[in-house]
PDB file of N, CA and C in Angstrom:
ATOM      1  N   MET A   1     125.937  18.903 -75.603  1.00  0.00           N
ATOM      2  CA  MET A   1     125.079  19.439 -76.428  1.00  0.00           C
ATOM      3  C   MET A   1     123.679  18.519 -76.116  1.00  0.00           C
ATOM      4  N   SER A   2     122.604  19.131 -76.352  1.00  0.00           N
ATOM      5  CA  SER A   2     121.232  18.380 -76.213  1.00  0.00           C
ATOM      6  C   SER A   2     121.014  17.597 -77.410  1.00  0.00           C
ATOM      7  N   ALA A   3     119.996  16.515 -77.128  1.00  0.00           N
ATOM      8  CA  ALA A   3     119.472  15.717 -78.234  1.00  0.00           C
ATOM      9  C   ALA A   3     119.229  16.569 -79.410  1.00  0.00           C
ATOM     10  N   SER A   4     118.263  17.619 -79.201  1.00  0.00           N
ATOM     11  CA  SER A   4     117.822  18.499 -80.252  1.00  0.00           C
ATOM     12  C   SER A   4     119.037  19.114 -80.954  1.00  0.00           C
ATOM     13  N   ASP A   5     120.054  19.568 -80.223  1.00  0.00           N
ATOM     14  CA  ASP A   5     121.135  20.262 -80.883  1.00  0.00           C
ATOM     15  C   ASP A   5     121.898  19.063 -81.775  1.00  0.00           C
ATOM     16  N   ASN A   6     122.149  18.058 -81.160  1.00  0.00           N
ATOM     17  CA  ASN A   6     122.721  16.893 -82.131  1.00  0.00           C
ATOM     18  C   ASN A   6     121.860  16.500 -83.295  1.00  0.00           C
ATOM     19  N   LYS A   7     120.544  16.461 -83.141  1.00  0.00           N
ATOM     20  CA  LYS A   7     119.715  16.054 -84.274  1.00  0.00           C
ATOM     21  C   LYS A   7     119.933  17.343 -85.335  1.00  0.00           C
ATOM     22  N   GLN A   8     119.928  18.624 -84.839  1.00  0.00           N
ATOM     23  CA  GLN A   8     120.028  19.624 -85.868  1.00  0.00           C
ATOM     24  C   GLN A   8     121.527  19.630 -86.552  1.00  0.00           C
ATOM     25  N   LEU A   9     122.477  19.288 -85.886  1.00  0.00           N
ATOM     26  CA  LEU A   9     123.858  19.292 -86.372  1.00  0.00           C
ATOM     27  C   LEU A   9     123.788  18.176 -87.422  1.00  0.00           C
ATOM     28  N   MET A  10     123.208  16.884 -87.278  1.00  0.00           N
ATOM     29  CA  MET A  10     123.042  15.829 -88.174  1.00  0.00           C
ATOM     30  C   MET A  10     122.050  16.242 -89.437  1.00  0.00           C
ATOM     31  N   GLN A  11     121.129  17.034 -89.100  1.00  0.00           N
ATOM     32  CA  GLN A  11     120.387  17.492 -90.162  1.00  0.00           C
ATOM     33  C   GLN A  11     121.076  18.461 -91.282  1.00  0.00           C
ATOM     34  N   ASP A  12     122.008  19.210 -90.542  1.00  0.00           N
ATOM     35  CA  ASP A  12     122.624  20.266 -91.388  1.00  0.00           C
ATOM     36  C   ASP A  12     123.755  19.482 -92.086  1.00  0.00           C
ATOM     37  N   ILE A  13     124.322  18.562 -91.563  1.00  0.00           N
ATOM     38  CA  ILE A  13     125.361  17.646 -92.195  1.00  0.00           C
ATOM     39  C   ILE A  13     124.726  16.943 -93.427  1.00  0.00           C
ATOM     40  N   PHE A  14     123.507  16.426 -93.089  1.00  0.00           N
ATOM     41  CA  PHE A  14     122.889  15.544 -94.248  1.00  0.00           C
ATOM     42  C   PHE A  14     122.220  16.340 -95.339  1.00  0.00           C
ATOM     43  N   SER A  15     122.011  17.622 -94.909  1.00  0.00           N
ATOM     44  CA  SER A  15     121.552  18.416 -95.918  1.00  0.00           C
ATOM     45  C   SER A  15     122.771  18.932 -97.000  1.00  0.00           C
ATOM     46  N   GLU A  16     123.970  18.890 -96.455  1.00  0.00           N
ATOM     47  CA  GLU A  16     125.089  19.146 -97.378  1.00  0.00           C
ATOM     48  C   GLU A  16     125.315  17.913 -98.057  1.00  0.00           C
ATOM     49  N   LEU A  17     125.205  16.789 -97.276  1.00  0.00           N
ATOM     50  CA  LEU A  17     125.507  15.403 -98.070  1.00  0.00           C
ATOM     51  C   LEU A  17     124.549  15.219 -99.330  1.00  0.00           C
ATOM     52  N   ALA A  18     123.385  15.748 -99.170  1.00  0.00           N
ATOM     53  CA  ALA A  18     122.408  15.586-100.215  1.00  0.00           C
ATOM     54  C   ALA A  18     122.815  16.341-101.497  1.00  0.00           C
ATOM     55  N   LYS A  19     123.586  17.428-101.246  1.00  0.00           N
ATOM     56  CA  LYS A  19     124.366  18.119-102.249  1.00  0.00           C
ATOM     57  C   LYS A  19     125.458  17.768-102.842  1.00  0.00           C
ATOM     58  N   GLY A  20     126.013  16.653-102.164  1.00  0.00           N
ATOM     59  CA  GLY A  20     127.391  16.205-102.559  1.00  0.00           C
ATOM     60  C   GLY A  20     128.490  16.743-101.896  1.00  0.00           C
ATOM     61  N   ASN A  21     128.116  17.573-100.934  1.00  0.00           N
ATOM     62  CA  ASN A  21     129.236  18.230-100.016  1.00  0.00           C
ATOM     63  C   ASN A  21     129.393  17.448 -98.710  1.00  0.00           C
ATOM     64  N   GLY A  22     130.608  16.788 -98.728  1.00  0.00           N
ATOM     65  CA  GLY A  22     130.785  15.829 -97.554  1.00  0.00           C
ATOM     66  C   GLY A  22     131.753  16.473 -96.560  1.00  0.00           C
ATOM     67  N   GLN A  23     132.247  17.812 -96.833  1.00  0.00           N
ATOM     68  CA  GLN A  23     133.183  18.338 -95.904  1.00  0.00           C
ATOM     69  C   GLN A  23     132.619  18.687 -94.471  1.00  0.00           C
ATOM     70  N   PRO A  24     131.181  19.142 -94.371  1.00  0.00           N
ATOM     71  CA  PRO A  24     130.744  19.204 -92.954  1.00  0.00           C
ATOM     72  C   PRO A  24     130.706  17.883 -92.193  1.00  0.00           C
ATOM     73  N   PHE A  25     130.677  16.650 -93.016  1.00  0.00           N
ATOM     74  CA  PHE A  25     130.768  15.412 -92.347  1.00  0.00           C
ATOM     75  C   PHE A  25     132.030  15.232 -91.844  1.00  0.00           C
ATOM     76  N   VAL A  26     132.947  15.403 -92.622  1.00  0.00           N
ATOM     77  CA  VAL A  26     134.445  15.269 -92.451  1.00  0.00           C
ATOM     78  C   VAL A  26     134.939  16.041 -91.241  1.00  0.00           C
ATOM     79  N   ASP A  27     134.311  17.288 -91.287  1.00  0.00           N
ATOM     80  CA  ASP A  27     134.780  18.370 -90.115  1.00  0.00           C
ATOM     81  C   ASP A  27     134.274  17.881 -88.818  1.00  0.00           C
ATOM     82  N   ALA A  28     133.014  17.057 -88.888  1.00  0.00           N
ATOM     83  CA  ALA A  28     132.377  16.809 -87.650  1.00  0.00           C
ATOM     84  C   ALA A  28     133.060  15.343 -87.033  1.00  0.00           C
ATOM     85  N   LEU A  29     133.885  14.736 -87.788  1.00  0.00           N
ATOM     86  CA  LEU A  29     134.521  13.523 -87.262  1.00  0.00           C
ATOM     87  C   LEU A  29     135.498  13.752 -86.006  1.00  0.00           C
ATOM     88  N   ALA A  30     135.381  13.169 -85.065  1.00  0.00           N
ATOM     89  CA  ALA A  30     136.457  13.242 -83.976  1.00  0.00           C
ATOM     90  C   ALA A  30     137.600  12.664 -84.337  1.00  0.00           C
ATOM     91  N   ASN A  31     138.668  13.093 -83.681  1.00  0.00           N
ATOM     92  CA  ASN A  31     139.860  12.482 -84.032  1.00  0.00           C
ATOM     93  C   ASN A  31     140.016  10.888 -83.652  1.00  0.00           C
ATOM     94  N   ASP A  32     139.188  10.647 -82.595  1.00  0.00           N
ATOM     95  CA  ASP A  32     139.142   9.267 -81.942  1.00  0.00           C
ATOM     96  C   ASP A  32     137.912   8.646 -82.433  1.00  0.00           C
ATOM     97  N   ILE A  33     137.196   8.869 -83.604  1.00  0.00           N
ATOM     98  CA  ILE A  33     135.983   8.308 -83.992  1.00  0.00           C
ATOM     99  C   ILE A  33     136.413   6.591 -84.222  1.00  0.00           C
ATOM    100  N   GLN A  34     135.343   6.045 -83.917  1.00  0.00           N
ATOM    101  CA  GLN A  34     135.158   4.496 -84.156  1.00  0.00           C
ATOM    102  C   GLN A  34     134.098   4.259 -85.109  1.00  0.00           C
ATOM    103  N   TRP A  35     134.337   4.000 -86.306  1.00  0.00           N
ATOM    104  CA  TRP A  35     133.306   3.858 -87.140  1.00  0.00           C
ATOM    105  C   TRP A  35     133.153   2.301 -87.567  1.00  0.00           C
ATOM    106  N   THR A  36     132.133   1.595 -87.350  1.00  0.00           N
ATOM    107  CA  THR A  36     131.903   0.278 -87.512  1.00  0.00           C
ATOM    108  C   THR A  36     131.016  -0.078 -88.651  1.00  0.00           C
ATOM    109  N   TRP A  37     131.299  -0.819 -89.651  1.00  0.00           N
ATOM    110  CA  TRP A  37     130.576  -1.201 -90.681  1.00  0.00           C
ATOM    111  C   TRP A  37     130.011  -2.618 -90.420  1.00  0.00           C
ATOM    112  N   MET A  38     128.987  -2.985 -90.304  1.00  0.00           N
ATOM    113  CA  MET A  38     128.498  -4.291 -90.170  1.00  0.00           C
ATOM    114  C   MET A  38     128.018  -4.910 -91.324  1.00  0.00           C
ATOM    115  N   GLY A  39     128.157  -6.098 -91.516  1.00  0.00           N
ATOM    116  CA  GLY A  39     127.750  -6.868 -92.749  1.00  0.00           C
ATOM    117  C   GLY A  39     128.885  -7.786 -93.209  1.00  0.00           C
ATOM    118  N   THR A  40     128.984  -8.092 -94.413  1.00  0.00           N
ATOM    119  CA  THR A  40     129.977  -9.202 -94.957  1.00  0.00           C
ATOM    120  C   THR A  40     130.682  -8.642 -96.289  1.00  0.00           C
ATOM    121  N   VAL A  41     130.760  -7.306 -96.293  1.00  0.00           N
ATOM    122  CA  VAL A  41     131.306  -6.590 -97.597  1.00  0.00           C
ATOM    123  C   VAL A  41     132.776  -6.489 -97.129  1.00  0.00           C
ATOM    124  N   LYS A  42     133.668  -6.044 -98.238  1.00  0.00           N
ATOM    125  CA  LYS A  42     135.081  -5.784 -97.864  1.00  0.00           C
ATOM    126  C   LYS A  42     135.410  -4.699 -96.854  1.00  0.00           C
ATOM    127  N   TRP A  43     134.505  -3.707 -96.650  1.00  0.00           N
ATOM    128  CA  TRP A  43     134.721  -2.680 -95.625  1.00  0.00           C
ATOM    129  C   TRP A  43     134.005  -3.046 -94.439  1.00  0.00           C
ATOM    130  N   SER A  44     133.450  -4.234 -94.016  1.00  0.00           N
ATOM    131  CA  SER A  44     132.699  -4.460 -92.943  1.00  0.00           C
ATOM    132  C   SER A  44     133.920  -4.792 -91.828  1.00  0.00           C
ATOM    133  N   LYS A  45     134.173  -3.687 -91.053  1.00  0.00           N
ATOM    134  CA  LYS A  45     135.038  -3.820 -89.874  1.00  0.00           C
ATOM    135  C   LYS A  45     134.861  -2.691 -89.214  1.00  0.00           C
ATOM    136  N   THR A  46     135.900  -2.353 -88.206  1.00  0.00           N
ATOM    137  CA  THR A  46     135.827  -1.089 -87.407  1.00  0.00           C
ATOM    138  C   THR A  46     137.124  -0.321 -87.989  1.00  0.00           C
ATOM    139  N   PHE A  47     136.828   0.786 -88.274  1.00  0.00           N
ATOM    140  CA  PHE A  47     137.806   1.881 -88.507  1.00  0.00           C
ATOM    141  C   PHE A  47     138.003   2.866 -87.334  1.00  0.00           C
ATOM    142  N   ASN A  48     139.276   2.734 -86.734  1.00  0.00           N
ATOM    143  CA  ASN A  48     139.556   3.395 -85.515  1.00  0.00           C
ATOM    144  C   ASN A  48     140.388   4.724 -85.728  1.00  0.00           C
ATOM    145  N   GLY A  49     139.698   5.813 -85.626  1.00  0.00           N
ATOM    146  CA  GLY A  49     140.432   7.088 -85.685  1.00  0.00           C
ATOM    147  C   GLY A  49     140.143   7.759 -87.074  1.00  0.00           C
ATOM    148  N   LYS A  50     140.241   9.173 -86.926  1.00  0.00           N
ATOM    149  CA  LYS A  50     139.793   9.974 -88.129  1.00  0.00           C
ATOM    150  C   LYS A  50     140.852   9.478 -89.427  1.00  0.00           C
ATOM    151  N   ASP A  51     142.076   9.469 -89.009  1.00  0.00           N
ATOM    152  CA  ASP A  51     142.933   8.986 -90.047  1.00  0.00           C
ATOM    153  C   ASP A  51     142.653   7.713 -90.847  1.00  0.00           C
ATOM    154  N   ALA A  52     142.371   6.752 -90.113  1.00  0.00           N
ATOM    155  CA  ALA A  52     141.838   5.492 -90.677  1.00  0.00           C
ATOM    156  C   ALA A  52     140.630   5.709 -91.568  1.00  0.00           C
ATOM    157  N   VAL A  53     139.626   6.502 -91.050  1.00  0.00           N
ATOM    158  CA  VAL A  53     138.336   6.714 -91.756  1.00  0.00           C
ATOM    159  C   VAL A  53     138.622   7.481 -93.173  1.00  0.00           C
ATOM    160  N   LEU A  54     139.511   8.377 -93.005  1.00  0.00           N
ATOM    161  CA  LEU A  54     139.740   9.153 -94.349  1.00  0.00           C
ATOM    162  C   LEU A  54     140.650   8.410 -95.219  1.00  0.00           C
ATOM    163  N   ASN A  55     141.821   7.688 -94.679  1.00  0.00           N
ATOM    164  CA  ASN A  55     142.708   6.981 -95.624  1.00  0.00           C
ATOM    165  C   ASN A  55     142.287   5.651 -96.153  1.00  0.00           C
ATOM    166  N   GLU A  56     141.509   4.946 -95.234  1.00  0.00           N
ATOM    167  CA  GLU A  56     141.092   3.467 -95.753  1.00  0.00           C
ATOM    168  C   GLU A  56     139.779   3.461 -96.214  1.00  0.00           C
ATOM    169  N   LEU A  57     138.839   4.439 -95.842  1.00  0.00           N
ATOM    170  CA  LEU A  57     137.307   4.419 -96.224  1.00  0.00           C
ATOM    171  C   LEU A  57     136.926   5.362 -97.146  1.00  0.00           C
ATOM    172  N   LEU A  58     137.307   6.682 -96.765  1.00  0.00           N
ATOM    173  CA  LEU A  58     136.616   7.692 -97.720  1.00  0.00           C
ATOM    174  C   LEU A  58     137.515   8.438 -98.747  1.00  0.00           C
ATOM    175  N   ASN A  59     138.783   8.278 -98.647  1.00  0.00           N
ATOM    176  CA  ASN A  59     139.536   9.047 -99.697  1.00  0.00           C
ATOM    177  C   ASN A  59     139.559   8.362-100.926  1.00  0.00           C
ATOM    178  N   PRO A  60     139.223   9.032-102.097  1.00  0.00           N
ATOM    179  CA  PRO A  60     139.478   8.402-103.314  1.00  0.00           C
ATOM    180  C   PRO A  60     140.736   8.021-103.760  1.00  0.00           C
ATOM    181  N   GLY A  61     140.864   6.871-104.445  1.00  0.00           N
ATOM    182  CA  GLY A  61     142.106   6.412-104.826  1.00  0.00           C
ATOM    183  C   GLY A  61     142.726   5.276-103.777  1.00  0.00           C
ATOM    184  N   THR A  62     142.658   5.627-102.415  1.00  0.00           N
ATOM    185  CA  THR A  62     143.145   4.847-101.531  1.00  0.00           C
ATOM    186  C   THR A  62     142.061   4.085-100.608  1.00  0.00           C
ATOM    187  N   ALA A  63     140.849   4.456-100.844  1.00  0.00           N
ATOM    188  CA  ALA A  63     139.850   3.948-100.141  1.00  0.00           C
ATOM    189  C   ALA A  63     139.028   2.768-100.538  1.00  0.00           C
ATOM    190  N   MET A  64     138.518   2.014 -99.736  1.00  0.00           N
ATOM    191  CA  MET A  64     137.824   0.988-100.354  1.00  0.00           C
ATOM    192  C   MET A  64     136.377   1.273-100.900  1.00  0.00           C
ATOM    193  N   LEU A  65     135.909   2.345-100.615  1.00  0.00           N
ATOM    194  CA  LEU A  65     134.775   2.977-101.181  1.00  0.00           C
ATOM    195  C   LEU A  65     135.101   4.047-102.196  1.00  0.00           C
ATOM    196  N   THR A  66     134.377   4.084-103.402  1.00  0.00           N
ATOM    197  CA  THR A  66     134.777   4.998-104.399  1.00  0.00           C
ATOM    198  C   THR A  66     134.030   6.261-104.345  1.00  0.00           C
ATOM    199  N   ALA A  67     134.600   7.317-104.976  1.00  0.00           N
ATOM    200  CA  ALA A  67     134.024   8.665-104.816  1.00  0.00           C
ATOM    201  C   ALA A  67     132.890   8.557-106.162  1.00  0.00           C
ATOM    202  N   PRO A  68     131.816   9.457-105.911  1.00  0.00           N
ATOM    203  CA  PRO A  68     131.522  10.325-104.872  1.00  0.00           C
ATOM    204  C   PRO A  68     130.768   9.454-103.807  1.00  0.00           C
ATOM    205  N   PHE A  69     131.367   9.376-102.685  1.00  0.00           N
ATOM    206  CA  PHE A  69     130.791   8.530-101.528  1.00  0.00           C
ATOM    207  C   PHE A  69     129.599   9.293-100.866  1.00  0.00           C
ATOM    208  N   PHE A  70     129.832  10.690-100.650  1.00  0.00           N
ATOM    209  CA  PHE A  70     129.022  11.519-100.019  1.00  0.00           C
ATOM    210  C   PHE A  70     127.729  12.142-100.695  1.00  0.00           C
ATOM    211  N   THR A  71     126.828  11.432-101.056  1.00  0.00           N
ATOM    212  CA  THR A  71     125.677  11.818-101.737  1.00  0.00           C
ATOM    213  C   THR A  71     124.417  11.061-101.061  1.00  0.00           C
ATOM    214  N   TYR A  72     123.964  11.592-100.011  1.00  0.00           N
ATOM    215  CA  TYR A  72     123.001  10.747 -99.161  1.00  0.00           C
ATOM    216  C   TYR A  72     121.834  11.626 -99.003  1.00  0.00           C
ATOM    217  N   PHE A  73     120.805  10.963 -98.934  1.00  0.00           N
ATOM    218  CA  PHE A  73     119.385  11.699 -98.705  1.00  0.00           C
ATOM    219  C   PHE A  73     118.757  11.194 -97.472  1.00  0.00           C
ATOM    220  N   ALA A  74     118.726  11.933 -96.365  1.00  0.00           N
ATOM    221  CA  ALA A  74     118.087  11.537 -95.154  1.00  0.00           C
ATOM    222  C   ALA A  74     116.526  11.645 -95.208  1.00  0.00           C
ATOM    223  N   GLN A  75     115.937  10.575 -94.640  1.00  0.00           N
ATOM    224  CA  GLN A  75     114.452  10.588 -94.637  1.00  0.00           C
ATOM    225  C   GLN A  75     113.876  10.625 -93.277  1.00  0.00           C
ATOM    226  N   ARG A  76     114.712  10.238 -92.115  1.00  0.00           N
ATOM    227  CA  ARG A  76     114.233  10.467 -90.790  1.00  0.00           C
ATOM    228  C   ARG A  76     115.317  10.666 -89.968  1.00  0.00           C
ATOM    229  N   PHE A  77     115.211  11.252 -88.855  1.00  0.00           N
ATOM    230  CA  PHE A  77     116.224  11.548 -87.817  1.00  0.00           C
ATOM    231  C   PHE A  77     115.453  11.187 -86.497  1.00  0.00           C
ATOM    232  N   ILE A  78     116.134  10.348 -85.623  1.00  0.00           N
ATOM    233  CA  ILE A  78     115.759  10.084 -84.266  1.00  0.00           C
ATOM    234  C   ILE A  78     116.831  10.365 -83.321  1.00  0.00           C
ATOM    235  N   ALA A  79     116.604  11.286 -82.296  1.00  0.00           N
ATOM    236  CA  ALA A  79     117.637  11.673 -81.450  1.00  0.00           C
ATOM    237  C   ALA A  79     117.084  11.476 -79.975  1.00  0.00           C
ATOM    238  N   GLU A  80     118.220  10.838 -79.321  1.00  0.00           N
ATOM    239  CA  GLU A  80     118.088  10.695 -77.699  1.00  0.00           C
ATOM    240  C   GLU A  80     119.513  10.741 -77.101  1.00  0.00           C
ATOM    241  N   ASP A  81     119.712  11.763 -76.267  1.00  0.00           N
ATOM    242  CA  ASP A  81     120.802  11.842 -75.470  1.00  0.00           C
ATOM    243  C   ASP A  81     121.996  12.075 -76.386  1.00  0.00           C
ATOM    244  N   ASP A  82     123.040  11.403 -76.599  1.00  0.00           N
ATOM    245  CA  ASP A  82     124.118  11.533 -77.503  1.00  0.00           C
ATOM    246  C   ASP A  82     124.076  10.925 -78.761  1.00  0.00           C
ATOM    247  N   TYR A  83     122.954  10.160 -78.858  1.00  0.00           N
ATOM    248  CA  TYR A  83     122.744   9.278 -80.112  1.00  0.00           C
ATOM    249  C   TYR A  83     121.678  10.059 -81.206  1.00  0.00           C
ATOM    250  N   VAL A  84     122.040   9.898 -82.518  1.00  0.00           N
ATOM    251  CA  VAL A  84     121.113  10.346 -83.523  1.00  0.00           C
ATOM    252  C   VAL A  84     121.213   9.216 -84.499  1.00  0.00           C
ATOM    253  N   VAL A  85     120.081   8.580 -84.878  1.00  0.00           N
ATOM    254  CA  VAL A  85     119.794   7.612 -85.792  1.00  0.00           C
ATOM    255  C   VAL A  85     119.413   8.270 -87.061  1.00  0.00           C
ATOM    256  N   VAL A  86     119.953   7.970 -88.153  1.00  0.00           N
ATOM    257  CA  VAL A  86     119.432   8.494 -89.613  1.00  0.00           C
ATOM    258  C   VAL A  86     119.179   7.562 -90.486  1.00  0.00           C
ATOM    259  N   GLU A  87     117.963   7.581 -90.931  1.00  0.00           N
ATOM    260  CA  GLU A  87     117.605   6.920 -91.904  1.00  0.00           C
ATOM    261  C   GLU A  87     117.896   7.623 -93.289  1.00  0.00           C
ATOM    262  N   ALA A  88     118.832   6.968 -94.024  1.00  0.00           N
ATOM    263  CA  ALA A  88     119.250   7.719 -95.385  1.00  0.00           C
ATOM    264  C   ALA A  88     119.441   6.694 -96.498  1.00  0.00           C
ATOM    265  N   ARG A  89     119.428   7.306 -97.669  1.00  0.00           N
ATOM    266  CA  ARG A  89     119.599   6.480 -98.854  1.00  0.00           C
ATOM    267  C   ARG A  89     120.442   7.241 -99.632  1.00  0.00           C
ATOM    268  N   GLY A  90     121.454   6.449-100.444  1.00  0.00           N
ATOM    269  CA  GLY A  90     122.464   7.167-101.178  1.00  0.00           C
ATOM    270  C   GLY A  90     121.909   7.092-102.659  1.00  0.00           C
ATOM    271  N   ALA A  91     122.575   8.089-103.369  1.00  0.00           N
ATOM    272  CA  ALA A  91     122.125   8.197-104.890  1.00  0.00           C
ATOM    273  C   ALA A  91     123.185   7.809-105.845  1.00  0.00           C
ATOM    274  N   ASN A  92     124.343   7.485-105.411  1.00  0.00           N
ATOM    275  CA  ASN A  92     125.296   7.043-106.211  1.00  0.00           C
ATOM    276  C   ASN A  92     125.340   5.569-106.455  1.00  0.00           C
ATOM    277  N   THR A  93     126.127   5.072-107.308  1.00  0.00           N
ATOM    278  CA  THR A  93     126.129   3.612-107.415  1.00  0.00           C
ATOM    279  C   THR A  93     126.426   2.648-106.206  1.00  0.00           C
ATOM    280  N   LEU A  94     127.452   3.077-105.557  1.00  0.00           N
ATOM    281  CA  LEU A  94     127.743   2.242-104.290  1.00  0.00           C
ATOM    282  C   LEU A  94     126.856   2.700-103.125  1.00  0.00           C
ATOM    283  N   ALA A  95     126.598   3.742-102.963  1.00  0.00           N
ATOM    284  CA  ALA A  95     125.698   4.236-101.775  1.00  0.00           C
ATOM    285  C   ALA A  95     124.149   3.715-101.768  1.00  0.00           C
ATOM    286  N   ALA A  96     123.688   3.581-103.099  1.00  0.00           N
ATOM    287  CA  ALA A  96     122.449   2.938-103.289  1.00  0.00           C
ATOM    288  C   ALA A  96     122.458   1.404-102.720  1.00  0.00           C
ATOM    289  N   GLN A  97     123.675   0.773-102.525  1.00  0.00           N
ATOM    290  CA  GLN A  97     123.648  -0.443-101.941  1.00  0.00           C
ATOM    291  C   GLN A  97     123.987  -0.395-100.565  1.00  0.00           C
ATOM    292  N   ILE A  98     124.211   0.788-100.030  1.00  0.00           N
ATOM    293  CA  ILE A  98     124.374   0.689 -98.614  1.00  0.00           C
ATOM    294  C   ILE A  98     123.587   1.640 -97.607  1.00  0.00           C
ATOM    295  N   GLY A  99     122.320   1.941 -98.115  1.00  0.00           N
ATOM    296  CA  GLY A  99     121.491   2.771 -97.422  1.00  0.00           C
ATOM    297  C   GLY A  99     121.219   2.043 -96.188  1.00  0.00           C
ATOM    298  N   GLY A 100     120.334   2.779 -95.162  1.00  0.00           N
ATOM    299  CA  GLY A 100     120.110   2.162 -93.973  1.00  0.00           C
ATOM    300  C   GLY A 100     119.773   3.020 -92.790  1.00  0.00           C
ATOM    301  N   LEU A 101     120.150   2.577 -91.696  1.00  0.00           N
ATOM    302  CA  LEU A 101     119.852   3.230 -90.455  1.00  0.00           C
ATOM    303  C   LEU A 101     121.274   3.411 -89.557  1.00  0.00           C
ATOM    304  N   PRO A 102     122.215   4.316 -90.040  1.00  0.00           N
ATOM    305  CA  PRO A 102     123.378   4.351 -89.361  1.00  0.00           C
ATOM    306  C   PRO A 102     123.007   5.059 -87.893  1.00  0.00           C
ATOM    307  N   ALA A 103     123.725   4.760 -86.933  1.00  0.00           N
ATOM    308  CA  ALA A 103     123.565   5.402 -85.669  1.00  0.00           C
ATOM    309  C   ALA A 103     124.910   6.102 -85.448  1.00  0.00           C
ATOM    310  N   HIS A 104     124.587   7.366 -85.029  1.00  0.00           N
ATOM    311  CA  HIS A 104     125.704   8.452 -84.772  1.00  0.00           C
ATOM    312  C   HIS A 104     125.736   8.783 -83.277  1.00  0.00           C
ATOM    313  N   ARG A 105     126.945   8.758 -82.731  1.00  0.00           N
ATOM    314  CA  ARG A 105     127.022   9.224 -81.338  1.00  0.00           C
ATOM    315  C   ARG A 105     127.996  10.401 -81.373  1.00  0.00           C
ATOM    316  N   LEU A 106     127.400  11.563 -80.806  1.00  0.00           N
ATOM    317  CA  LEU A 106     127.975  12.849 -80.899  1.00  0.00           C
ATOM    318  C   LEU A 106     128.367  13.212 -79.388  1.00  0.00           C
ATOM    319  N   ILE A 107     129.580  13.642 -79.195  1.00  0.00           N
ATOM    320  CA  ILE A 107     129.794  14.288 -77.985  1.00  0.00           C
ATOM    321  C   ILE A 107     130.573  15.554 -78.247  1.00  0.00           C
ATOM    322  N   ALA A 108     130.182  16.637 -77.686  1.00  0.00           N
ATOM    323  CA  ALA A 108     130.891  17.972 -77.885  1.00  0.00           C
ATOM    324  C   ALA A 108     130.951  18.355 -79.209  1.00  0.00           C
ATOM    325  N   SER A 109     129.714  18.178 -79.968  1.00  0.00           N
ATOM    326  CA  SER A 109     129.547  18.311 -81.379  1.00  0.00           C
ATOM    327  C   SER A 109     130.544  17.682 -82.313  1.00  0.00           C
ATOM    328  N   ARG A 110     131.036  16.442 -81.945  1.00  0.00           N
ATOM    329  CA  ARG A 110     132.049  15.754 -82.784  1.00  0.00           C
ATOM    330  C   ARG A 110     131.428  14.331 -82.883  1.00  0.00           C
ATOM    331  N   LEU A 111     131.483  13.636 -83.990  1.00  0.00           N
ATOM    332  CA  LEU A 111     130.974  12.276 -84.097  1.00  0.00           C
ATOM    333  C   LEU A 111     132.099  11.418 -83.539  1.00  0.00           C
ATOM    334  N   ARG A 112     131.576  10.681 -82.543  1.00  0.00           N
ATOM    335  CA  ARG A 112     132.686   9.716 -81.792  1.00  0.00           C
ATOM    336  C   ARG A 112     132.485   8.338 -82.223  1.00  0.00           C
ATOM    337  N   THR A 113     131.242   7.843 -82.382  1.00  0.00           N
ATOM    338  CA  THR A 113     131.004   6.487 -82.808  1.00  0.00           C
ATOM    339  C   THR A 113     130.119   6.444 -83.979  1.00  0.00           C
ATOM    340  N   LEU A 114     130.119   5.708 -84.911  1.00  0.00           N
ATOM    341  CA  LEU A 114     129.136   5.577 -85.933  1.00  0.00           C
ATOM    342  C   LEU A 114     129.238   4.016 -86.456  1.00  0.00           C
ATOM    343  N   THR A 115     127.797   3.552 -86.305  1.00  0.00           N
ATOM    344  CA  THR A 115     127.625   2.237 -86.700  1.00  0.00           C
ATOM    345  C   THR A 115     126.798   2.346 -88.007  1.00  0.00           C
ATOM    346  N   THR A 116     127.168   1.484 -88.889  1.00  0.00           N
ATOM    347  CA  THR A 116     126.288   1.284 -90.245  1.00  0.00           C
ATOM    348  C   THR A 116     126.038  -0.084 -90.566  1.00  0.00           C
ATOM    349  N   ALA A 117     124.660  -0.194 -90.732  1.00  0.00           N
ATOM    350  CA  ALA A 117     124.268  -1.643 -91.171  1.00  0.00           C
ATOM    351  C   ALA A 117     123.892  -1.512 -92.582  1.00  0.00           C
ATOM    352  N   GLN A 118     124.437  -2.420 -93.423  1.00  0.00           N
ATOM    353  CA  GLN A 118     124.247  -2.486 -94.916  1.00  0.00           C
ATOM    354  C   GLN A 118     123.083  -2.941 -95.251  1.00  0.00           C
ATOM    355  N   SER A 119     122.190  -2.397 -96.020  1.00  0.00           N
ATOM    356  CA  SER A 119     121.073  -2.811 -96.633  1.00  0.00           C
ATOM    357  C   SER A 119     121.003  -2.870 -98.108  1.00  0.00           C
ATOM    358  N   SER A 120     120.374  -3.576 -98.793  1.00  0.00           N
ATOM    359  CA  SER A 120     120.192  -3.347-100.278  1.00  0.00           C
ATOM    360  C   SER A 120     118.805  -3.108-100.864  1.00  0.00           C
TER     361      SER A 120
END
């Protein structure tokens, strides 16, 4: 996919996240995704694989983060090659604490790496 295709995919995903619909984001996760949370909070680590992301990070009840996790409002998208950087802010209690500039790497329309820097 081209940089503009990747950017459009992320715009579509974040359009749904703004409505509280995280399913397109989950659907775009590659099975071998590597999601790194930088910082010093309890979820600051690397989650390897879609199962780890879903079970340890995103799923209510078993996750480090609490629902509703997926309410984000994107403000800016920057795309180059396989990478799309999204400036986004969250609307729920937790997400408001973790807005920032996550970098997303997409290969074959699947999220392969995701790095999130915490900001307050």
